[in-house]
């Protein structure tokens, strides 16, 4: 049960970081000029280092499967870790334009 709780905490930290990064990208794009807006997607590539937080959480979720922990907790940890990875990989900030 300890591994699942650690995975949940790491996933929530990753989701918080992903949301704050997406908001910063959106806010920066709003204040950017024409040339900067054209190359703004490159700034998104620099933020992909934080995907390792979600990957770590996903690995801990897999370990909790082998430890035969509670199934509901495992599903929660897997979904949170995948969500934290997707929030960083997808360019959600473009949806708000």
C-alpha atoms as a PDB file:
ATOM      1  CA  UNK A   1       0.000   0.000   0.000  1.00  0.00           C
ATOM      2  CA  UNK A   2       2.959   2.307   0.591  1.00  0.00           C
ATOM      3  CA  UNK A   3       4.121   2.132  -3.028  1.00  0.00           C
ATOM      4  CA  UNK A   4       0.659   3.077  -4.277  1.00  0.00           C
ATOM      5  CA  UNK A   5       0.497   6.071  -1.964  1.00  0.00           C
ATOM      6  CA  UNK A   6       3.924   7.238  -3.094  1.00  0.00           C
ATOM      7  CA  UNK A   7       2.803   6.837  -6.700  1.00  0.00           C
ATOM      8  CA  UNK A   8      -0.347   8.885  -6.053  1.00  0.00           C
ATOM      9  CA  UNK A   9       1.655  11.668  -4.433  1.00  0.00           C
ATOM     10  CA  UNK A  10       4.186  11.730  -7.269  1.00  0.00           C
ATOM     11  CA  UNK A  11       1.358  11.752  -9.837  1.00  0.00           C
ATOM     12  CA  UNK A  12      -0.385  14.656  -8.131  1.00  0.00           C
ATOM     13  CA  UNK A  13       2.883  16.596  -8.043  1.00  0.00           C
ATOM     14  CA  UNK A  14       3.353  15.847 -11.746  1.00  0.00           C
ATOM     15  CA  UNK A  15      -0.186  16.983 -12.568  1.00  0.00           C
ATOM     16  CA  UNK A  16       0.333  20.212 -10.632  1.00  0.00           C
ATOM     17  CA  UNK A  17       3.602  20.885 -12.454  1.00  0.00           C
ATOM     18  CA  UNK A  18       1.993  20.081 -15.815  1.00  0.00           C
ATOM     19  CA  UNK A  19      -0.913  22.447 -15.215  1.00  0.00           C
ATOM     20  CA  UNK A  20       1.385  25.241 -14.110  1.00  0.00           C
ATOM     21  CA  UNK A  21       3.634  24.723 -17.158  1.00  0.00           C
ATOM     22  CA  UNK A  22       0.641  24.735 -19.496  1.00  0.00           C
ATOM     23  CA  UNK A  23      -0.645  27.937 -17.914  1.00  0.00           C
ATOM     24  CA  UNK A  24       2.772  29.603 -18.213  1.00  0.00           C
ATOM     25  CA  UNK A  25       2.978  28.598 -21.874  1.00  0.00           C
ATOM     26  CA  UNK A  26      -0.491  30.016 -22.518  1.00  0.00           C
ATOM     27  CA  UNK A  27       0.272  33.238 -20.662  1.00  0.00           C
ATOM     28  CA  UNK A  28       3.597  33.670 -22.462  1.00  0.00           C
ATOM     29  CA  UNK A  29       2.003  33.067 -25.841  1.00  0.00           C
ATOM     30  CA  UNK A  30      -0.593  35.744 -25.171  1.00  0.00           C
ATOM     31  CA  UNK A  31       2.091  38.355 -24.537  1.00  0.00           C
ATOM     32  CA  UNK A  32       4.404  37.247 -27.389  1.00  0.00           C
ATOM     33  CA  UNK A  33       4.735  39.050 -30.706  1.00  0.00           C
ATOM     34  CA  UNK A  34       4.476  37.584 -34.217  1.00  0.00           C
ATOM     35  CA  UNK A  35       7.943  36.053 -34.637  1.00  0.00           C
ATOM     36  CA  UNK A  36       7.952  34.727 -31.106  1.00  0.00           C
ATOM     37  CA  UNK A  37       4.510  33.173 -31.546  1.00  0.00           C
ATOM     38  CA  UNK A  38       5.681  31.368 -34.684  1.00  0.00           C
ATOM     39  CA  UNK A  39       8.458  29.591 -32.791  1.00  0.00           C
ATOM     40  CA  UNK A  40       6.641  29.224 -29.487  1.00  0.00           C
ATOM     41  CA  UNK A  41       6.155  25.475 -29.895  1.00  0.00           C
ATOM     42  CA  UNK A  42       9.883  25.002 -29.414  1.00  0.00           C
ATOM     43  CA  UNK A  43       9.562  26.289 -25.871  1.00  0.00           C
ATOM     44  CA  UNK A  44       7.161  23.411 -25.215  1.00  0.00           C
ATOM     45  CA  UNK A  45       9.932  20.934 -26.039  1.00  0.00           C
ATOM     46  CA  UNK A  46      12.028  22.268 -23.171  1.00  0.00           C
ATOM     47  CA  UNK A  47       9.293  21.351 -20.706  1.00  0.00           C
ATOM     48  CA  UNK A  48       9.287  17.653 -21.604  1.00  0.00           C
ATOM     49  CA  UNK A  49      11.941  16.885 -18.997  1.00  0.00           C
ATOM     50  CA  UNK A  50       9.183  16.761 -16.411  1.00  0.00           C
ATOM     51  CA  UNK A  51       7.680  13.679 -18.091  1.00  0.00           C
ATOM     52  CA  UNK A  52      10.053  11.615 -15.960  1.00  0.00           C
ATOM     53  CA  UNK A  53       7.897  12.426 -12.927  1.00  0.00           C
ATOM     54  CA  UNK A  54       4.937  10.714 -14.588  1.00  0.00           C
ATOM     55  CA  UNK A  55       7.095   7.850 -15.808  1.00  0.00           C
ATOM     56  CA  UNK A  56       8.397   7.299 -12.271  1.00  0.00           C
ATOM     57  CA  UNK A  57       4.844   7.202 -10.983  1.00  0.00           C
ATOM     58  CA  UNK A  58       3.872   4.766 -13.736  1.00  0.00           C
ATOM     59  CA  UNK A  59       6.765   2.461 -12.835  1.00  0.00           C
ATOM     60  CA  UNK A  60       5.721   2.551  -9.180  1.00  0.00           C
ATOM     61  CA  UNK A  61       2.182   1.656 -10.264  1.00  0.00           C
ATOM     62  CA  UNK A  62       3.513  -1.356 -12.152  1.00  0.00           C
ATOM     63  CA  UNK A  63       5.497  -2.401  -9.076  1.00  0.00           C
ATOM     64  CA  UNK A  64       2.339  -2.145  -6.967  1.00  0.00           C
ATOM     65  CA  UNK A  65       0.625  -4.543  -9.386  1.00  0.00           C
ATOM     66  CA  UNK A  66       3.307  -7.137  -8.720  1.00  0.00           C
ATOM     67  CA  UNK A  67       3.009  -6.533  -4.976  1.00  0.00           C
ATOM     68  CA  UNK A  68      -0.717  -7.414  -5.301  1.00  0.00           C
ATOM     69  CA  UNK A  69      -2.030  -4.223  -3.747  1.00  0.00           C
ATOM     70  CA  UNK A  70      -5.643  -3.055  -3.831  1.00  0.00           C
ATOM     71  CA  UNK A  71      -7.057  -3.089  -7.381  1.00  0.00           C
ATOM     72  CA  UNK A  72      -8.894   0.241  -7.026  1.00  0.00           C
ATOM     73  CA  UNK A  73      -5.747   1.928  -5.817  1.00  0.00           C
ATOM     74  CA  UNK A  74      -3.749   0.461  -8.691  1.00  0.00           C
ATOM     75  CA  UNK A  75      -6.277   1.740 -11.231  1.00  0.00           C
ATOM     76  CA  UNK A  76      -6.171   5.173  -9.587  1.00  0.00           C
ATOM     77  CA  UNK A  77      -2.380   5.308  -9.650  1.00  0.00           C
ATOM     78  CA  UNK A  78      -2.182   4.156 -13.260  1.00  0.00           C
ATOM     79  CA  UNK A  79      -4.749   6.691 -14.427  1.00  0.00           C
ATOM     80  CA  UNK A  80      -3.108   9.547 -12.515  1.00  0.00           C
ATOM     81  CA  UNK A  81       0.325   8.706 -13.864  1.00  0.00           C
ATOM     82  CA  UNK A  82      -0.938   8.498 -17.449  1.00  0.00           C
ATOM     83  CA  UNK A  83      -2.790  11.787 -16.959  1.00  0.00           C
ATOM     84  CA  UNK A  84       0.340  13.509 -15.681  1.00  0.00           C
ATOM     85  CA  UNK A  85       2.284  12.277 -18.714  1.00  0.00           C
ATOM     86  CA  UNK A  86      -0.418  13.315 -21.174  1.00  0.00           C
ATOM     87  CA  UNK A  87      -0.777  16.780 -19.682  1.00  0.00           C
ATOM     88  CA  UNK A  88       2.878  17.415 -20.391  1.00  0.00           C
ATOM     89  CA  UNK A  89       3.111  15.809 -23.807  1.00  0.00           C
ATOM     90  CA  UNK A  90      -0.054  17.282 -25.294  1.00  0.00           C
ATOM     91  CA  UNK A  91      -0.161  20.990 -25.981  1.00  0.00           C
ATOM     92  CA  UNK A  92      -3.245  21.780 -23.903  1.00  0.00           C
ATOM     93  CA  UNK A  93      -2.462  25.497 -23.817  1.00  0.00           C
ATOM     94  CA  UNK A  94      -3.361  25.782 -27.517  1.00  0.00           C
ATOM     95  CA  UNK A  95      -6.958  24.835 -26.719  1.00  0.00           C
ATOM     96  CA  UNK A  96      -7.470  28.074 -24.808  1.00  0.00           C
ATOM     97  CA  UNK A  97      -6.571  30.340 -27.744  1.00  0.00           C
END
